[in-house]
Amino acid sequence: SYLDSVHYFRPRPYRTLVYQEIIISYLEYVKN
C-alpha cells in the first residue's frame, strides 16, 4: 500500500521502467 514516487529520477525515460522493476522484484522476493 501507499507506493510513492517523486519525479526527480534521471534519466526521465527510464523512470517508469525502474519504478516498475522495483515492484516486480519485490513481488518476486516475497514469492521466493
All heavy atoms as atom14 arrays in JSON, in Angstrom:
{
  "sequence": "SYLDSVHYFRPRPYRTLVYQEIIISYLEYVKN",
  "atom14_mask": [
    [1, 1, 1, 1, 1, 1, 0, 0, 0, 0, 0, 0, 0, 0],
    [1, 1, 1, 1, 1, 1, 1, 1, 1, 1, 1, 1, 0, 0],
    [1, 1, 1, 1, 1, 1, 1, 1, 0, 0, 0, 0, 0, 0],
    [1, 1, 1, 1, 1, 1, 1, 1, 0, 0, 0, 0, 0, 0],
    [1, 1, 1, 1, 1, 1, 0, 0, 0, 0, 0, 0, 0, 0],
    [1, 1, 1, 1, 1, 1, 1, 0, 0, 0, 0, 0, 0, 0],
    [1, 1, 1, 1, 1, 1, 1, 1, 1, 1, 0, 0, 0, 0],
    [1, 1, 1, 1, 1, 1, 1, 1, 1, 1, 1, 1, 0, 0],
    [1, 1, 1, 1, 1, 1, 1, 1, 1, 1, 1, 0, 0, 0],
    [1, 1, 1, 1, 1, 1, 1, 1, 1, 1, 1, 0, 0, 0],
    [1, 1, 1, 1, 1, 1, 1, 0, 0, 0, 0, 0, 0, 0],
    [1, 1, 1, 1, 1, 1, 1, 1, 1, 1, 1, 0, 0, 0],
    [1, 1, 1, 1, 1, 1, 1, 0, 0, 0, 0, 0, 0, 0],
    [1, 1, 1, 1, 1, 1, 1, 1, 1, 1, 1, 1, 0, 0],
    [1, 1, 1, 1, 1, 1, 1, 1, 1, 1, 1, 0, 0, 0],
    [1, 1, 1, 1, 1, 1, 1, 0, 0, 0, 0, 0, 0, 0],
    [1, 1, 1, 1, 1, 1, 1, 1, 0, 0, 0, 0, 0, 0],
    [1, 1, 1, 1, 1, 1, 1, 0, 0, 0, 0, 0, 0, 0],
    [1, 1, 1, 1, 1, 1, 1, 1, 1, 1, 1, 1, 0, 0],
    [1, 1, 1, 1, 1, 1, 1, 1, 1, 0, 0, 0, 0, 0],
    [1, 1, 1, 1, 1, 1, 1, 1, 1, 0, 0, 0, 0, 0],
    [1, 1, 1, 1, 1, 1, 1, 1, 0, 0, 0, 0, 0, 0],
    [1, 1, 1, 1, 1, 1, 1, 1, 0, 0, 0, 0, 0, 0],
    [1, 1, 1, 1, 1, 1, 1, 1, 0, 0, 0, 0, 0, 0],
    [1, 1, 1, 1, 1, 1, 0, 0, 0, 0, 0, 0, 0, 0],
    [1, 1, 1, 1, 1, 1, 1, 1, 1, 1, 1, 1, 0, 0],
    [1, 1, 1, 1, 1, 1, 1, 1, 0, 0, 0, 0, 0, 0],
    [1, 1, 1, 1, 1, 1, 1, 1, 1, 0, 0, 0, 0, 0],
    [1, 1, 1, 1, 1, 1, 1, 1, 1, 1, 1, 1, 0, 0],
    [1, 1, 1, 1, 1, 1, 1, 0, 0, 0, 0, 0, 0, 0],
    [1, 1, 1, 1, 1, 1, 1, 1, 1, 0, 0, 0, 0, 0],
    [1, 1, 1, 1, 1, 1, 1, 1, 0, 0, 0, 0, 0, 0]
  ],
  "atom14_positions": [
    [[0.84, -1.2, 0.0], [0.0, 0.0, 0.0], [0.87, 1.24, 0.0], [2.04, 1.2, 0.36], [-0.92, 0.02, 1.23], [-0.16, 0.14, 2.4], [0.0, 0.0, 0.0], [0.0, 0.0, 0.0], [0.0, 0.0, 0.0], [0.0, 0.0, 0.0], [0.0, 0.0, 0.0], [0.0, 0.0, 0.0], [0.0, 0.0, 0.0], [0.0, 0.0, 0.0]],
    [[0.27, 2.32, -0.4], [0.9, 3.62, -0.33], [2.25, 3.69, -1.02], [3.24, 4.15, -0.47], [1.02, 4.09, 1.12], [-0.31, 4.17, 1.8], [-0.64, 3.32, 2.83], [-1.26, 5.09, 1.36], [-1.88, 3.39, 3.44], [-2.51, 5.17, 1.96], [-2.8, 4.32, 3.0], [-4.04, 4.38, 3.59], [0.0, 0.0, 0.0], [0.0, 0.0, 0.0]],
    [[2.31, 3.2, -2.25], [3.51, 3.39, -3.05], [3.61, 4.86, -3.4], [2.61, 5.54, -3.58], [3.44, 2.56, -4.33], [3.43, 1.05, -4.12], [3.3, 0.35, -5.46], [4.69, 0.6, -3.41], [0.0, 0.0, 0.0], [0.0, 0.0, 0.0], [0.0, 0.0, 0.0], [0.0, 0.0, 0.0], [0.0, 0.0, 0.0], [0.0, 0.0, 0.0]],
    [[4.81, 5.35, -3.5], [5.01, 6.77, -3.71], [6.24, 6.99, -4.57], [7.14, 6.15, -4.61], [5.19, 7.45, -2.36], [4.84, 8.93, -2.38], [4.53, 9.46, -3.46], [4.87, 9.55, -1.31], [0.0, 0.0, 0.0], [0.0, 0.0, 0.0], [0.0, 0.0, 0.0], [0.0, 0.0, 0.0], [0.0, 0.0, 0.0], [0.0, 0.0, 0.0]],
    [[6.27, 8.1, -5.25], [7.44, 8.45, -6.05], [7.52, 9.96, -6.2], [6.55, 10.67, -5.96], [7.36, 7.81, -7.44], [6.28, 8.36, -8.17], [0.0, 0.0, 0.0], [0.0, 0.0, 0.0], [0.0, 0.0, 0.0], [0.0, 0.0, 0.0], [0.0, 0.0, 0.0], [0.0, 0.0, 0.0], [0.0, 0.0, 0.0], [0.0, 0.0, 0.0]],
    [[8.68, 10.42, -6.55], [8.85, 11.81, -6.93], [9.49, 11.8, -8.31], [10.17, 10.86, -8.69], [9.73, 12.61, -5.94], [8.99, 12.84, -4.64], [11.05, 11.93, -5.69], [0.0, 0.0, 0.0], [0.0, 0.0, 0.0], [0.0, 0.0, 0.0], [0.0, 0.0, 0.0], [0.0, 0.0, 0.0], [0.0, 0.0, 0.0], [0.0, 0.0, 0.0]],
    [[9.26, 12.84, -9.07], [9.66, 12.82, -10.48], [11.07, 13.35, -10.71], [11.38, 13.86, -11.78], [8.63, 13.54, -11.34], [8.56, 15.02, -11.09], [7.75, 15.83, -11.82], [9.2, 15.82, -10.22], [7.88, 17.08, -11.42], [8.75, 17.09, -10.44], [0.0, 0.0, 0.0], [0.0, 0.0, 0.0], [0.0, 0.0, 0.0], [0.0, 0.0, 0.0]],
    [[11.97, 13.17, -9.75], [13.34, 13.65, -9.9], [14.27, 12.62, -10.55], [15.38, 12.94, -10.91], [13.92, 14.05, -8.55], [13.26, 15.26, -7.96], [12.73, 15.24, -6.69], [13.16, 16.44, -8.69], [12.13, 16.36, -6.15], [12.56, 17.57, -8.16], [12.05, 17.51, -6.89], [11.45, 18.62, -6.36], [0.0, 0.0, 0.0], [0.0, 0.0, 0.0]],
    [[13.83, 11.37, -10.64], [14.69, 10.32, -11.18], [15.15, 10.68, -12.6], [14.36, 11.08, -13.43], [13.94, 8.98, -11.19], [14.76, 7.83, -11.66], [15.55, 7.13, -10.77], [14.75, 7.45, -12.99], [16.32, 6.07, -11.2], [15.52, 6.4, -13.43], [16.3, 5.7, -12.53], [0.0, 0.0, 0.0], [0.0, 0.0, 0.0], [0.0, 0.0, 0.0]],
    [[16.43, 10.5, -12.85], [17.01, 10.79, -14.16], [17.81, 9.58, -14.64], [18.43, 8.94, -13.81], [17.94, 12.01, -14.1], [17.26, 13.29, -13.66], [16.4, 13.87, -14.78], [15.89, 15.19, -14.45], [14.68, 15.42, -13.99], [13.84, 14.45, -13.81], [14.28, 16.64, -13.73], [0.0, 0.0, 0.0], [0.0, 0.0, 0.0], [0.0, 0.0, 0.0]],
    [[17.82, 9.29, -15.89], [17.13, 9.98, -16.98], [15.64, 9.64, -16.98], [15.24, 8.53, -16.69], [17.83, 9.48, -18.25], [18.4, 8.16, -17.88], [18.7, 8.22, -16.4], [0.0, 0.0, 0.0], [0.0, 0.0, 0.0], [0.0, 0.0, 0.0], [0.0, 0.0, 0.0], [0.0, 0.0, 0.0], [0.0, 0.0, 0.0], [0.0, 0.0, 0.0]],
    [[14.84, 10.62, -17.34], [13.39, 10.52, -17.27], [12.81, 9.33, -18.04], [11.87, 8.69, -17.55], [12.76, 11.82, -17.75], [11.27, 11.83, -17.57], [10.69, 13.21, -17.79], [9.35, 13.25, -17.25], [8.27, 13.34, -17.99], [8.37, 13.42, -19.29], [7.09, 13.35, -17.43], [0.0, 0.0, 0.0], [0.0, 0.0, 0.0], [0.0, 0.0, 0.0]],
    [[13.32, 8.99, -19.24], [12.72, 7.87, -19.99], [12.77, 6.53, -19.25], [12.02, 5.62, -19.57], [13.54, 7.81, -21.28], [14.12, 9.17, -21.43], [14.35, 9.68, -20.03], [0.0, 0.0, 0.0], [0.0, 0.0, 0.0], [0.0, 0.0, 0.0], [0.0, 0.0, 0.0], [0.0, 0.0, 0.0], [0.0, 0.0, 0.0], [0.0, 0.0, 0.0]],
    [[13.64, 6.4, -18.25], [13.76, 5.14, -17.51], [12.99, 5.13, -16.2], [12.98, 4.13, -15.5], [15.23, 4.83, -17.24], [16.02, 4.61, -18.5], [16.99, 5.52, -18.91], [15.8, 3.49, -19.29], [17.71, 5.32, -20.07], [16.51, 3.29, -20.46], [17.47, 4.21, -20.83], [18.17, 4.01, -21.99], [0.0, 0.0, 0.0], [0.0, 0.0, 0.0]],
    [[12.35, 6.24, -15.86], [11.69, 6.35, -14.56], [10.64, 5.27, -14.35], [10.67, 4.54, -13.36], [11.05, 7.74, -14.45], [10.5, 8.01, -13.06], [9.8, 9.35, -12.96], [10.59, 10.41, -13.53], [10.08, 11.5, -14.09], [8.77, 11.67, -14.14], [10.85, 12.43, -14.59], [0.0, 0.0, 0.0], [0.0, 0.0, 0.0], [0.0, 0.0, 0.0]],
    [[9.7, 5.14, -15.27], [8.64, 4.14, -15.12], [9.22, 2.74, -15.08], [8.84, 1.91, -14.23], [7.62, 4.26, -16.27], [6.99, 5.53, -16.16], [6.56, 3.17, -16.2], [0.0, 0.0, 0.0], [0.0, 0.0, 0.0], [0.0, 0.0, 0.0], [0.0, 0.0, 0.0], [0.0, 0.0, 0.0], [0.0, 0.0, 0.0], [0.0, 0.0, 0.0]],
    [[10.15, 2.46, -15.96], [10.78, 1.14, -16.02], [11.42, 0.79, -14.67], [11.24, -0.32, -14.16], [11.82, 1.11, -17.13], [12.58, -0.21, -17.3], [11.64, -1.29, -17.81], [13.73, 0.0, -18.26], [0.0, 0.0, 0.0], [0.0, 0.0, 0.0], [0.0, 0.0, 0.0], [0.0, 0.0, 0.0], [0.0, 0.0, 0.0], [0.0, 0.0, 0.0]],
    [[12.16, 1.71, -14.1], [12.85, 1.44, -12.83], [11.85, 1.28, -11.69], [11.95, 0.33, -10.9], [13.88, 2.55, -12.51], [14.41, 2.41, -11.1], [15.03, 2.5, -13.51], [0.0, 0.0, 0.0], [0.0, 0.0, 0.0], [0.0, 0.0, 0.0], [0.0, 0.0, 0.0], [0.0, 0.0, 0.0], [0.0, 0.0, 0.0], [0.0, 0.0, 0.0]],
    [[10.86, 2.17, -11.6], [9.87, 2.05, -10.53], [9.09, 0.74, -10.64], [8.84, 0.07, -9.64], [8.89, 3.23, -10.55], [9.47, 4.54, -10.06], [8.99, 5.75, -10.53], [10.51, 4.57, -9.13], [9.51, 6.96, -10.08], [11.04, 5.77, -8.68], [10.52, 6.96, -9.15], [11.04, 8.15, -8.71], [0.0, 0.0, 0.0], [0.0, 0.0, 0.0]],
    [[8.73, 0.36, -11.86], [8.02, -0.9, -12.03], [8.91, -2.09, -11.69], [8.45, -3.06, -11.09], [7.47, -1.02, -13.45], [6.3, -0.1, -13.7], [5.67, -0.28, -15.06], [6.29, -0.8, -15.98], [4.43, 0.17, -15.19], [0.0, 0.0, 0.0], [0.0, 0.0, 0.0], [0.0, 0.0, 0.0], [0.0, 0.0, 0.0], [0.0, 0.0, 0.0]],
    [[10.16, -2.02, -12.05], [11.07, -3.13, -11.76], [11.27, -3.3, -10.26], [11.43, -4.43, -9.78], [12.42, -2.91, -12.45], [13.32, -4.12, -12.41], [12.72, -5.36, -13.08], [12.09, -5.23, -14.14], [12.91, -6.47, -12.52], [0.0, 0.0, 0.0], [0.0, 0.0, 0.0], [0.0, 0.0, 0.0], [0.0, 0.0, 0.0], [0.0, 0.0, 0.0]],
    [[11.23, -2.22, -9.51], [11.33, -2.32, -8.05], [10.15, -3.12, -7.5], [10.32, -4.02, -6.67], [11.4, -0.92, -7.41], [12.75, -0.26, -7.73], [11.18, -0.99, -5.9], [12.82, 1.21, -7.38], [0.0, 0.0, 0.0], [0.0, 0.0, 0.0], [0.0, 0.0, 0.0], [0.0, 0.0, 0.0], [0.0, 0.0, 0.0], [0.0, 0.0, 0.0]],
    [[8.94, -2.83, -7.97], [7.75, -3.55, -7.51], [7.8, -5.01, -7.96], [7.52, -5.92, -7.18], [6.45, -2.89, -8.03], [6.39, -1.43, -7.61], [5.22, -3.65, -7.56], [6.51, -1.19, -6.14], [0.0, 0.0, 0.0], [0.0, 0.0, 0.0], [0.0, 0.0, 0.0], [0.0, 0.0, 0.0], [0.0, 0.0, 0.0], [0.0, 0.0, 0.0]],
    [[8.16, -5.24, -9.21], [8.26, -6.61, -9.73], [9.28, -7.41, -8.93], [9.02, -8.56, -8.54], [8.63, -6.59, -11.23], [7.47, -6.0, -12.04], [9.01, -7.98, -11.72], [7.87, -5.6, -13.46], [0.0, 0.0, 0.0], [0.0, 0.0, 0.0], [0.0, 0.0, 0.0], [0.0, 0.0, 0.0], [0.0, 0.0, 0.0], [0.0, 0.0, 0.0]],
    [[10.42, -6.82, -8.64], [11.46, -7.5, -7.87], [11.0, -7.8, -6.45], [11.3, -8.87, -5.91], [12.74, -6.67, -7.84], [13.25, -6.52, -9.14], [0.0, 0.0, 0.0], [0.0, 0.0, 0.0], [0.0, 0.0, 0.0], [0.0, 0.0, 0.0], [0.0, 0.0, 0.0], [0.0, 0.0, 0.0], [0.0, 0.0, 0.0], [0.0, 0.0, 0.0]],
    [[10.27, -6.87, -5.86], [9.73, -7.12, -4.52], [8.75, -8.29, -4.55], [8.8, -9.17, -3.67], [9.04, -5.87, -3.96], [8.38, -6.15, -2.64], [9.14, -6.33, -1.49], [6.99, -6.28, -2.55], [8.53, -6.62, -0.27], [6.38, -6.57, -1.35], [7.16, -6.73, -0.21], [6.56, -7.04, 0.99], [0.0, 0.0, 0.0], [0.0, 0.0, 0.0]],
    [[7.87, -8.32, -5.54], [6.91, -9.43, -5.63], [7.63, -10.77, -5.85], [7.22, -11.79, -5.3], [5.89, -9.15, -6.73], [4.95, -7.97, -6.44], [4.08, -7.67, -7.66], [4.1, -8.21, -5.2], [0.0, 0.0, 0.0], [0.0, 0.0, 0.0], [0.0, 0.0, 0.0], [0.0, 0.0, 0.0], [0.0, 0.0, 0.0], [0.0, 0.0, 0.0]],
    [[8.69, -10.76, -6.62], [9.47, -11.99, -6.8], [10.13, -12.39, -5.49], [10.17, -13.57, -5.13], [10.52, -11.79, -7.89], [11.32, -13.04, -8.19], [12.27, -12.86, -9.35], [12.76, -11.73, -9.56], [12.51, -13.85, -10.05], [0.0, 0.0, 0.0], [0.0, 0.0, 0.0], [0.0, 0.0, 0.0], [0.0, 0.0, 0.0], [0.0, 0.0, 0.0]],
    [[10.65, -11.42, -4.76], [11.29, -11.68, -3.47], [10.32, -12.33, -2.48], [10.64, -13.35, -1.87], [11.84, -10.37, -2.9], [12.29, -10.45, -1.47], [13.5, -11.05, -1.14], [11.51, -9.92, -0.45], [13.92, -11.13, 0.18], [11.92, -10.0, 0.87], [13.12, -10.6, 1.18], [13.53, -10.68, 2.49], [0.0, 0.0, 0.0], [0.0, 0.0, 0.0]],
    [[9.1, -11.76, -2.35], [8.16, -12.34, -1.39], [7.66, -13.71, -1.86], [7.41, -14.58, -1.03], [6.99, -11.39, -1.05], [7.5, -10.14, -0.36], [6.15, -11.04, -2.26], [0.0, 0.0, 0.0], [0.0, 0.0, 0.0], [0.0, 0.0, 0.0], [0.0, 0.0, 0.0], [0.0, 0.0, 0.0], [0.0, 0.0, 0.0], [0.0, 0.0, 0.0]],
    [[7.57, -13.91, -3.16], [7.21, -15.24, -3.66], [8.27, -16.25, -3.26], [7.96, -17.34, -2.78], [7.06, -15.22, -5.18], [6.76, -16.59, -5.76], [6.75, -16.61, -7.25], [6.51, -18.03, -7.73], [6.58, -18.14, -9.18], [0.0, 0.0, 0.0], [0.0, 0.0, 0.0], [0.0, 0.0, 0.0], [0.0, 0.0, 0.0], [0.0, 0.0, 0.0]],
    [[9.53, -15.88, -3.42], [10.63, -16.78, -3.05], [10.7, -17.02, -1.54], [11.26, -18.02, -1.1], [11.96, -16.23, -3.55], [12.07, -16.28, -5.05], [11.39, -17.06, -5.72], [12.92, -15.41, -5.61], [0.0, 0.0, 0.0], [0.0, 0.0, 0.0], [0.0, 0.0, 0.0], [0.0, 0.0, 0.0], [0.0, 0.0, 0.0], [0.0, 0.0, 0.0]]
  ]
}
